[in-house]
PDB file of N, CA and C in Angstrom:
ATOM      1  N   MET A   1       1.091  -1.089   0.259  1.00  0.00           N
ATOM      2  CA  MET A   1      -0.017   0.255   0.058  1.00  0.00           C
ATOM      3  C   MET A   1       0.868   1.258   0.061  1.00  0.00           C
ATOM      4  N   GLY A   2       0.895   1.934  -1.193  1.00  0.00           N
ATOM      5  CA  GLY A   2       1.298   2.770  -1.067  1.00  0.00           C
ATOM      6  C   GLY A   2       1.203   4.804  -0.558  1.00  0.00           C
ATOM      7  N   ALA A   3       1.708   5.535  -1.215  1.00  0.00           N
ATOM      8  CA  ALA A   3       1.360   6.440  -0.637  1.00  0.00           C
ATOM      9  C   ALA A   3      -0.040   7.641  -1.180  1.00  0.00           C
ATOM     10  N   THR A   4      -0.203   6.798  -2.026  1.00  0.00           N
ATOM     11  CA  THR A   4      -1.489   6.850  -3.017  1.00  0.00           C
ATOM     12  C   THR A   4      -2.757   6.021  -2.381  1.00  0.00           C
ATOM     13  N   PHE A   5      -2.729   5.402  -1.668  1.00  0.00           N
ATOM     14  CA  PHE A   5      -3.748   4.753  -0.872  1.00  0.00           C
ATOM     15  C   PHE A   5      -3.970   5.363   0.809  1.00  0.00           C
ATOM     16  N   TRP A   6      -2.667   5.743   1.297  1.00  0.00           N
ATOM     17  CA  TRP A   6      -3.156   6.299   2.356  1.00  0.00           C
ATOM     18  C   TRP A   6      -3.585   8.175   2.192  1.00  0.00           C
ATOM     19  N   MET A   7      -3.111   8.717   1.086  1.00  0.00           N
ATOM     20  CA  MET A   7      -3.683   9.686   0.929  1.00  0.00           C
ATOM     21  C   MET A   7      -5.267   9.887   0.620  1.00  0.00           C
ATOM     22  N   LYS A   8      -5.409   8.976  -0.262  1.00  0.00           N
ATOM     23  CA  LYS A   8      -7.004   8.732  -0.932  1.00  0.00           C
ATOM     24  C   LYS A   8      -7.847   8.084   0.487  1.00  0.00           C
ATOM     25  N   ARG A   9      -6.915   7.418   1.457  1.00  0.00           N
ATOM     26  CA  ARG A   9      -7.793   7.075   2.963  1.00  0.00           C
ATOM     27  C   ARG A   9      -7.995   8.291   3.407  1.00  0.00           C
ATOM     28  N   TYR A  10      -7.110   9.161   4.135  1.00  0.00           N
ATOM     29  CA  TYR A  10      -7.053  10.289   4.769  1.00  0.00           C
ATOM     30  C   TYR A  10      -8.386  11.453   3.770  1.00  0.00           C
ATOM     31  N   LEU A  11      -7.976  11.786   2.670  1.00  0.00           N
ATOM     32  CA  LEU A  11      -9.385  12.377   2.228  1.00  0.00           C
ATOM     33  C   LEU A  11     -10.524  11.839   1.975  1.00  0.00           C
ATOM     34  N   GLN A  12     -10.793  10.227   2.285  1.00  0.00           N
ATOM     35  CA  GLN A  12     -12.241   9.879   2.863  1.00  0.00           C
ATOM     36  C   GLN A  12     -12.440   9.818   4.218  1.00  0.00           C
ATOM     37  N   ALA A  13     -11.576  10.021   4.750  1.00  0.00           N
ATOM     38  CA  ALA A  13     -11.719  10.339   5.809  1.00  0.00           C
ATOM     39  C   ALA A  13     -12.161  12.388   6.399  1.00  0.00           C
ATOM     40  N   ALA A  14     -11.335  12.809   5.469  1.00  0.00           N
ATOM     41  CA  ALA A  14     -11.358  14.527   5.686  1.00  0.00           C
ATOM     42  C   ALA A  14     -12.403  15.061   5.516  1.00  0.00           C
ATOM     43  N   VAL A  15     -12.991  14.615   4.289  1.00  0.00           N
ATOM     44  CA  VAL A  15     -14.105  15.036   3.495  1.00  0.00           C
ATOM     45  C   VAL A  15     -15.107  15.340   4.040  1.00  0.00           C
ATOM     46  N   PRO A  16     -15.806  13.851   4.379  1.00  0.00           N
ATOM     47  CA  PRO A  16     -17.269  13.713   4.679  1.00  0.00           C
ATOM     48  C   PRO A  16     -16.849  14.261   6.363  1.00  0.00           C
ATOM     49  N   LEU A  17     -16.502  14.673   7.129  1.00  0.00           N
ATOM     50  CA  LEU A  17     -16.101  14.972   8.209  1.00  0.00           C
ATOM     51  C   LEU A  17     -16.303  16.412   8.353  1.00  0.00           C
ATOM     52  N   PHE A  18     -15.427  17.257   7.087  1.00  0.00           N
ATOM     53  CA  PHE A  18     -15.824  18.663   6.985  1.00  0.00           C
ATOM     54  C   PHE A  18     -17.025  18.810   6.741  1.00  0.00           C
ATOM     55  N   ALA A  19     -17.883  18.049   5.993  1.00  0.00           N
ATOM     56  CA  ALA A  19     -19.387  18.301   5.645  1.00  0.00           C
ATOM     57  C   ALA A  19     -19.934  18.248   6.787  1.00  0.00           C
ATOM     58  N   ILE A  20     -19.571  16.905   7.952  1.00  0.00           N
ATOM     59  CA  ILE A  20     -20.816  17.090   8.778  1.00  0.00           C
ATOM     60  C   ILE A  20     -20.495  18.798   9.867  1.00  0.00           C
ATOM     61  N   LEU A  21     -19.081  18.838  10.065  1.00  0.00           N
ATOM     62  CA  LEU A  21     -18.819  19.823  11.011  1.00  0.00           C
ATOM     63  C   LEU A  21     -18.920  20.973  10.344  1.00  0.00           C
ATOM     64  N   ALA A  22     -19.114  21.036   9.019  1.00  0.00           N
ATOM     65  CA  ALA A  22     -19.678  22.441   8.186  1.00  0.00           C
ATOM     66  C   ALA A  22     -20.981  22.826   8.557  1.00  0.00           C
ATOM     67  N   ALA A  23     -22.086  21.429   8.437  1.00  0.00           N
ATOM     68  CA  ALA A  23     -23.102  21.218   8.485  1.00  0.00           C
ATOM     69  C   ALA A  23     -24.019  21.990   9.826  1.00  0.00           C
ATOM     70  N   VAL A  24     -23.035  21.208  10.734  1.00  0.00           N
ATOM     71  CA  VAL A  24     -23.736  21.373  12.438  1.00  0.00           C
ATOM     72  C   VAL A  24     -23.275  22.676  12.602  1.00  0.00           C
ATOM     73  N   GLU A  25     -22.259  23.692  11.954  1.00  0.00           N
ATOM     74  CA  GLU A  25     -22.185  25.044  12.216  1.00  0.00           C
ATOM     75  C   GLU A  25     -23.270  25.692  11.492  1.00  0.00           C
ATOM     76  N   TRP A  26     -23.668  25.354  10.555  1.00  0.00           N
ATOM     77  CA  TRP A  26     -24.604  26.490   9.271  1.00  0.00           C
ATOM     78  C   TRP A  26     -25.856  26.096  10.542  1.00  0.00           C
ATOM     79  N   ILE A  27     -26.372  24.759  10.699  1.00  0.00           N
ATOM     80  CA  ILE A  27     -27.990  24.589  11.378  1.00  0.00           C
ATOM     81  C   ILE A  27     -27.721  25.244  12.573  1.00  0.00           C
ATOM     82  N   LYS A  28     -26.320  25.715  13.812  1.00  0.00           N
ATOM     83  CA  LYS A  28     -26.009  26.547  14.395  1.00  0.00           C
ATOM     84  C   LYS A  28     -26.461  27.902  14.412  1.00  0.00           C
ATOM     85  N   GLY A  29     -26.453  28.403  12.863  1.00  0.00           N
ATOM     86  CA  GLY A  29     -26.609  29.471  12.367  1.00  0.00           C
ATOM     87  C   GLY A  29     -25.368  30.409  12.580  1.00  0.00           C
ATOM     88  N   SER A  30     -24.162  29.751  13.310  1.00  0.00           N
ATOM     89  CA  SER A  30     -22.964  30.476  13.190  1.00  0.00           C
ATOM     90  C   SER A  30     -22.269  30.066  11.702  1.00  0.00           C
ATOM     91  N   THR A  31     -22.729  30.885  10.832  1.00  0.00           N
ATOM     92  CA  THR A  31     -21.649  30.606   9.341  1.00  0.00           C
ATOM     93  C   THR A  31     -20.609  31.559   9.507  1.00  0.00           C
ATOM     94  N   THR A  32     -19.520  32.048  10.188  1.00  0.00           N
ATOM     95  CA  THR A  32     -18.362  32.896  10.015  1.00  0.00           C
ATOM     96  C   THR A  32     -17.475  32.458   9.485  1.00  0.00           C
ATOM     97  N   ARG A  33     -16.696  32.729   9.289  1.00  0.00           N
ATOM     98  CA  ARG A  33     -15.523  31.931   8.053  1.00  0.00           C
ATOM     99  C   ARG A  33     -14.879  31.538   8.935  1.00  0.00           C
ATOM    100  N   GLU A  34     -14.536  32.004  10.552  1.00  0.00           N
ATOM    101  CA  GLU A  34     -13.614  31.415  11.333  1.00  0.00           C
ATOM    102  C   GLU A  34     -14.489  29.843  11.830  1.00  0.00           C
ATOM    103  N   ASP A  35     -15.796  29.750  11.960  1.00  0.00           N
ATOM    104  CA  ASP A  35     -16.558  28.516  12.194  1.00  0.00           C
ATOM    105  C   ASP A  35     -16.511  27.453  10.928  1.00  0.00           C
ATOM    106  N   TYR A  36     -16.041  28.060   9.736  1.00  0.00           N
ATOM    107  CA  TYR A  36     -15.624  26.633   8.672  1.00  0.00           C
ATOM    108  C   TYR A  36     -14.507  26.328   8.979  1.00  0.00           C
ATOM    109  N   LEU A  37     -13.654  27.490   8.863  1.00  0.00           N
ATOM    110  CA  LEU A  37     -12.039  26.943   9.373  1.00  0.00           C
ATOM    111  C   LEU A  37     -11.890  26.362  10.409  1.00  0.00           C
ATOM    112  N   SER A  38     -12.247  26.310  11.347  1.00  0.00           N
ATOM    113  CA  SER A  38     -12.344  25.766  12.915  1.00  0.00           C
ATOM    114  C   SER A  38     -12.972  24.238  12.335  1.00  0.00           C
ATOM    115  N   ALA A  39     -13.976  24.091  11.574  1.00  0.00           N
ATOM    116  CA  ALA A  39     -14.462  22.659  10.955  1.00  0.00           C
ATOM    117  C   ALA A  39     -13.490  21.883  10.262  1.00  0.00           C
ATOM    118  N   ALA A  40     -13.070  23.025   9.270  1.00  0.00           N
ATOM    119  CA  ALA A  40     -11.305  22.144   8.633  1.00  0.00           C
ATOM    120  C   ALA A  40     -10.544  21.527   9.147  1.00  0.00           C
ATOM    121  N   VAL A  41     -10.188  22.590  10.299  1.00  0.00           N
ATOM    122  CA  VAL A  41      -8.625  22.073  11.095  1.00  0.00           C
ATOM    123  C   VAL A  41      -9.123  20.726  11.897  1.00  0.00           C
ATOM    124  N   TRP A  42     -10.609  20.998  12.753  1.00  0.00           N
ATOM    125  CA  TRP A  42     -10.825  19.579  13.494  1.00  0.00           C
ATOM    126  C   TRP A  42     -10.900  18.644  12.604  1.00  0.00           C
ATOM    127  N   ALA A  43     -11.227  18.274  11.061  1.00  0.00           N
ATOM    128  CA  ALA A  43     -11.623  17.532  10.235  1.00  0.00           C
ATOM    129  C   ALA A  43     -10.514  17.194   9.407  1.00  0.00           C
ATOM    130  N   LEU A  44      -9.531  17.771   9.632  1.00  0.00           N
ATOM    131  CA  LEU A  44      -7.708  17.509   8.924  1.00  0.00           C
ATOM    132  C   LEU A  44      -7.251  16.834  10.301  1.00  0.00           C
ATOM    133  N   ALA A  45      -7.596  17.484  11.376  1.00  0.00           N
ATOM    134  CA  ALA A  45      -6.803  16.343  12.633  1.00  0.00           C
ATOM    135  C   ALA A  45      -6.959  15.440  13.086  1.00  0.00           C
ATOM    136  N   ALA A  46      -8.813  14.940  12.848  1.00  0.00           N
ATOM    137  CA  ALA A  46      -9.000  14.000  13.491  1.00  0.00           C
ATOM    138  C   ALA A  46      -8.728  13.124  12.068  1.00  0.00           C
ATOM    139  N   ALA A  47      -9.276  13.096  10.905  1.00  0.00           N
ATOM    140  CA  ALA A  47      -8.456  12.318   9.402  1.00  0.00           C
ATOM    141  C   ALA A  47      -6.862  11.716   9.594  1.00  0.00           C
ATOM    142  N   GLY A  48      -6.675  12.983  10.230  1.00  0.00           N
ATOM    143  CA  GLY A  48      -4.516  12.366  10.248  1.00  0.00           C
ATOM    144  C   GLY A  48      -4.388  11.252  11.361  1.00  0.00           C
ATOM    145  N   ILE A  49      -5.082  11.783  12.279  1.00  0.00           N
ATOM    146  CA  ILE A  49      -5.032  10.425  13.557  1.00  0.00           C
ATOM    147  C   ILE A  49      -5.627   9.313  13.232  1.00  0.00           C
ATOM    148  N   PHE A  50      -6.621   9.152  12.461  1.00  0.00           N
ATOM    149  CA  PHE A  50      -7.280   7.975  11.768  1.00  0.00           C
ATOM    150  C   PHE A  50      -6.700   7.459  10.990  1.00  0.00           C
ATOM    151  N   THR A  51      -6.174   7.920  10.110  1.00  0.00           N
ATOM    152  CA  THR A  51      -4.944   7.514   8.849  1.00  0.00           C
ATOM    153  C   THR A  51      -4.132   6.912   9.661  1.00  0.00           C
ATOM    154  N   TYR A  52      -3.259   7.903  10.618  1.00  0.00           N
ATOM    155  CA  TYR A  52      -1.777   7.027  10.785  1.00  0.00           C
ATOM    156  C   TYR A  52      -2.279   6.511  11.886  1.00  0.00           C
ATOM    157  N   ALA A  53      -3.590   6.025  12.602  1.00  0.00           N
ATOM    158  CA  ALA A  53      -3.652   4.926  13.627  1.00  0.00           C
ATOM    159  C   ALA A  53      -3.722   3.596  12.415  1.00  0.00           C
ATOM    160  N   ALA A  54      -4.062   3.473  11.398  1.00  0.00           N
ATOM    161  CA  ALA A  54      -4.828   2.613  10.653  1.00  0.00           C
ATOM    162  C   ALA A  54      -3.189   2.025  10.215  1.00  0.00           C
ATOM    163  N   TRP A  55      -2.626   3.358   9.374  1.00  0.00           N
ATOM    164  CA  TRP A  55      -0.819   2.910   8.598  1.00  0.00           C
ATOM    165  C   TRP A  55      -0.228   2.216   9.849  1.00  0.00           C
ATOM    166  N   ARG A  56      -0.227   2.382  11.096  1.00  0.00           N
ATOM    167  CA  ARG A  56       0.534   1.823  12.609  1.00  0.00           C
ATOM    168  C   ARG A  56      -0.017   0.694  12.396  1.00  0.00           C
ATOM    169  N   ARG A  57      -1.145   0.335  12.416  1.00  0.00           N
ATOM    170  CA  ARG A  57      -1.529  -0.772  12.330  1.00  0.00           C
ATOM    171  C   ARG A  57      -0.987  -1.822  11.405  1.00  0.00           C
ATOM    172  N   TYR A  58      -1.253  -1.577  10.014  1.00  0.00           N
ATOM    173  CA  TYR A  58      -0.656  -1.802   8.460  1.00  0.00           C
ATOM    174  C   TYR A  58       0.595  -2.110   9.314  1.00  0.00           C
ATOM    175  N   ARG A  59       1.610  -0.869   9.710  1.00  0.00           N
ATOM    176  CA  ARG A  59       3.028  -1.305   9.178  1.00  0.00           C
ATOM    177  C   ARG A  59       3.292  -2.158  10.372  1.00  0.00           C
ATOM    178  N   ASN A  60       2.794  -2.260  11.304  1.00  0.00           N
ATOM    179  CA  ASN A  60       3.047  -3.276  12.829  1.00  0.00           C
ATOM    180  C   ASN A  60       2.444  -4.489  12.470  1.00  0.00           C
ATOM    181  N   ALA A  61       1.725  -5.169  11.260  1.00  0.00           N
ATOM    182  CA  ALA A  61       0.902  -5.957  10.892  1.00  0.00           C
ATOM    183  C   ALA A  61       0.251  -6.541  12.119  1.00  0.00           C
ATOM    184  N   LYS A  62      -0.718  -5.913  12.400  1.00  0.00           N
ATOM    185  CA  LYS A  62      -1.568  -5.786  13.891  1.00  0.00           C
ATOM    186  C   LYS A  62      -3.019  -6.897  13.474  1.00  0.00           C
ATOM    187  N   ALA A  63      -3.047  -7.601  13.796  1.00  0.00           N
ATOM    188  CA  ALA A  63      -4.418  -8.313  13.447  1.00  0.00           C
ATOM    189  C   ALA A  63      -5.880  -7.723  13.889  1.00  0.00           C
ATOM    190  N   CYS A  64      -6.608  -7.656  12.858  1.00  0.00           N
ATOM    191  CA  CYS A  64      -7.692  -7.436  13.548  1.00  0.00           C
ATOM    192  C   CYS A  64      -8.627  -7.868  14.343  1.00  0.00           C
ATOM    193  N   GLY A  65      -8.853  -8.006  15.605  1.00  0.00           N
ATOM    194  CA  GLY A  65      -9.815  -9.186  16.286  1.00  0.00           C
ATOM    195  C   GLY A  65     -11.239  -9.490  15.388  1.00  0.00           C
ATOM    196  N   MET A  66     -11.811  -8.255  15.150  1.00  0.00           N
ATOM    197  CA  MET A  66     -13.153  -8.433  14.453  1.00  0.00           C
ATOM    198  C   MET A  66     -12.877  -9.406  12.773  1.00  0.00           C
ATOM    199  N   CYS A  67     -12.043  -8.536  12.510  1.00  0.00           N
ATOM    200  CA  CYS A  67     -11.879  -9.114  11.179  1.00  0.00           C
ATOM    201  C   CYS A  67     -11.667 -11.033  11.355  1.00  0.00           C
ATOM    202  N   ASP A  68     -10.649 -11.133  12.159  1.00  0.00           N
ATOM    203  CA  ASP A  68     -10.367 -12.954  12.565  1.00  0.00           C
ATOM    204  C   ASP A  68     -11.923 -13.284  12.896  1.00  0.00           C
ATOM    205  N   ASP A  69     -12.222 -13.082  13.965  1.00  0.00           N
ATOM    206  CA  ASP A  69     -13.578 -13.592  14.303  1.00  0.00           C
ATOM    207  C   ASP A  69     -14.638 -13.751  13.135  1.00  0.00           C
ATOM    208  N   LEU A  70     -14.881 -12.932  12.038  1.00  0.00           N
ATOM    209  CA  LEU A  70     -15.972 -12.935  11.025  1.00  0.00           C
ATOM    210  C   LEU A  70     -15.106 -13.712  10.296  1.00  0.00           C
ATOM    211  N   ALA A  71     -13.894 -13.653  10.124  1.00  0.00           N
ATOM    212  CA  ALA A  71     -13.124 -14.716   8.936  1.00  0.00           C
ATOM    213  C   ALA A  71     -13.440 -16.226   9.564  1.00  0.00           C
ATOM    214  N   ALA A  72     -13.409 -16.467  11.232  1.00  0.00           N
ATOM    215  CA  ALA A  72     -13.213 -17.817  11.617  1.00  0.00           C
ATOM    216  C   ALA A  72     -14.742 -18.189  11.288  1.00  0.00           C
ATOM    217  N   ALA A  73     -16.168 -17.383  11.641  1.00  0.00           N
ATOM    218  CA  ALA A  73     -16.854 -17.802  11.232  1.00  0.00           C
ATOM    219  C   ALA A  73     -17.622 -17.619   9.822  1.00  0.00           C
ATOM    220  N   ARG A  74     -17.259 -17.656   9.223  1.00  0.00           N
ATOM    221  CA  ARG A  74     -17.517 -17.860   7.641  1.00  0.00           C
ATOM    222  C   ARG A  74     -16.791 -18.664   7.345  1.00  0.00           C
ATOM    223  N   ASN A  75     -15.514 -19.156   8.036  1.00  0.00           N
ATOM    224  CA  ASN A  75     -15.019 -20.573   7.815  1.00  0.00           C
ATOM    225  C   ASN A  75     -16.146 -21.565   8.004  1.00  0.00           C
ATOM    226  N   ALA A  76     -16.262 -21.428   9.414  1.00  0.00           N
ATOM    227  CA  ALA A  76     -17.214 -22.622  10.286  1.00  0.00           C
ATOM    228  C   ALA A  76     -18.276 -22.492   9.471  1.00  0.00           C
ATOM    229  N   SER A  77     -18.936 -21.916   9.290  1.00  0.00           N
ATOM    230  CA  SER A  77     -20.270 -21.829   8.243  1.00  0.00           C
ATOM    231  C   SER A  77     -19.800 -22.442   7.127  1.00  0.00           C
ATOM    232  N   ALA A  78     -18.938 -22.112   6.502  1.00  0.00           N
ATOM    233  CA  ALA A  78     -18.672 -22.886   5.205  1.00  0.00           C
ATOM    234  C   ALA A  78     -18.379 -24.227   4.951  1.00  0.00           C
ATOM    235  N   LYS A  79     -17.448 -24.944   6.167  1.00  0.00           N
ATOM    236  CA  LYS A  79     -17.489 -26.352   6.534  1.00  0.00           C
ATOM    237  C   LYS A  79     -18.730 -26.925   6.641  1.00  0.00           C
ATOM    238  N   ALA A  80     -19.510 -26.469   7.522  1.00  0.00           N
ATOM    239  CA  ALA A  80     -20.914 -26.677   7.932  1.00  0.00           C
ATOM    240  C   ALA A  80     -22.178 -27.421   7.175  1.00  0.00           C
ATOM    241  N   LYS A  81     -22.017 -26.891   6.167  1.00  0.00           N
ATOM    242  CA  LYS A  81     -22.905 -26.097   5.388  1.00  0.00           C
ATOM    243  C   LYS A  81     -22.996 -27.603   3.862  1.00  0.00           C
ATOM    244  N   LYS A  82     -21.197 -28.121   4.061  1.00  0.00           N
ATOM    245  CA  LYS A  82     -20.481 -28.851   2.772  1.00  0.00           C
ATOM    246  C   LYS A  82     -21.378 -30.207   3.645  1.00  0.00           C
ATOM    247  N   PRO A  83     -21.609 -31.285   2.576  1.00  0.00           N
ATOM    248  CA  PRO A  83     -22.101 -32.534   3.199  1.00  0.00           C
ATOM    249  C   PRO A  83     -21.112 -33.292   3.574  1.00  0.00           C
TER     250      PRO A  83
END
């Protein structure tokens, strides 16, 4: 997984988060430039933390407990269905 993958993942987290935070500011009735700038900063920071955590988990080859449980359950159900 190269840099392009992680940049896409970052943007996939940052853009929707900014939209949500900007919508909240708009619903509150405060639509100043500083409010949208604050939403953008929070979105960028949160997306950065999210992406860094995923990258670190990938780099250290940490297993995902939920993913492992799902894979084991699928394998068990597939074996049970075979005659």
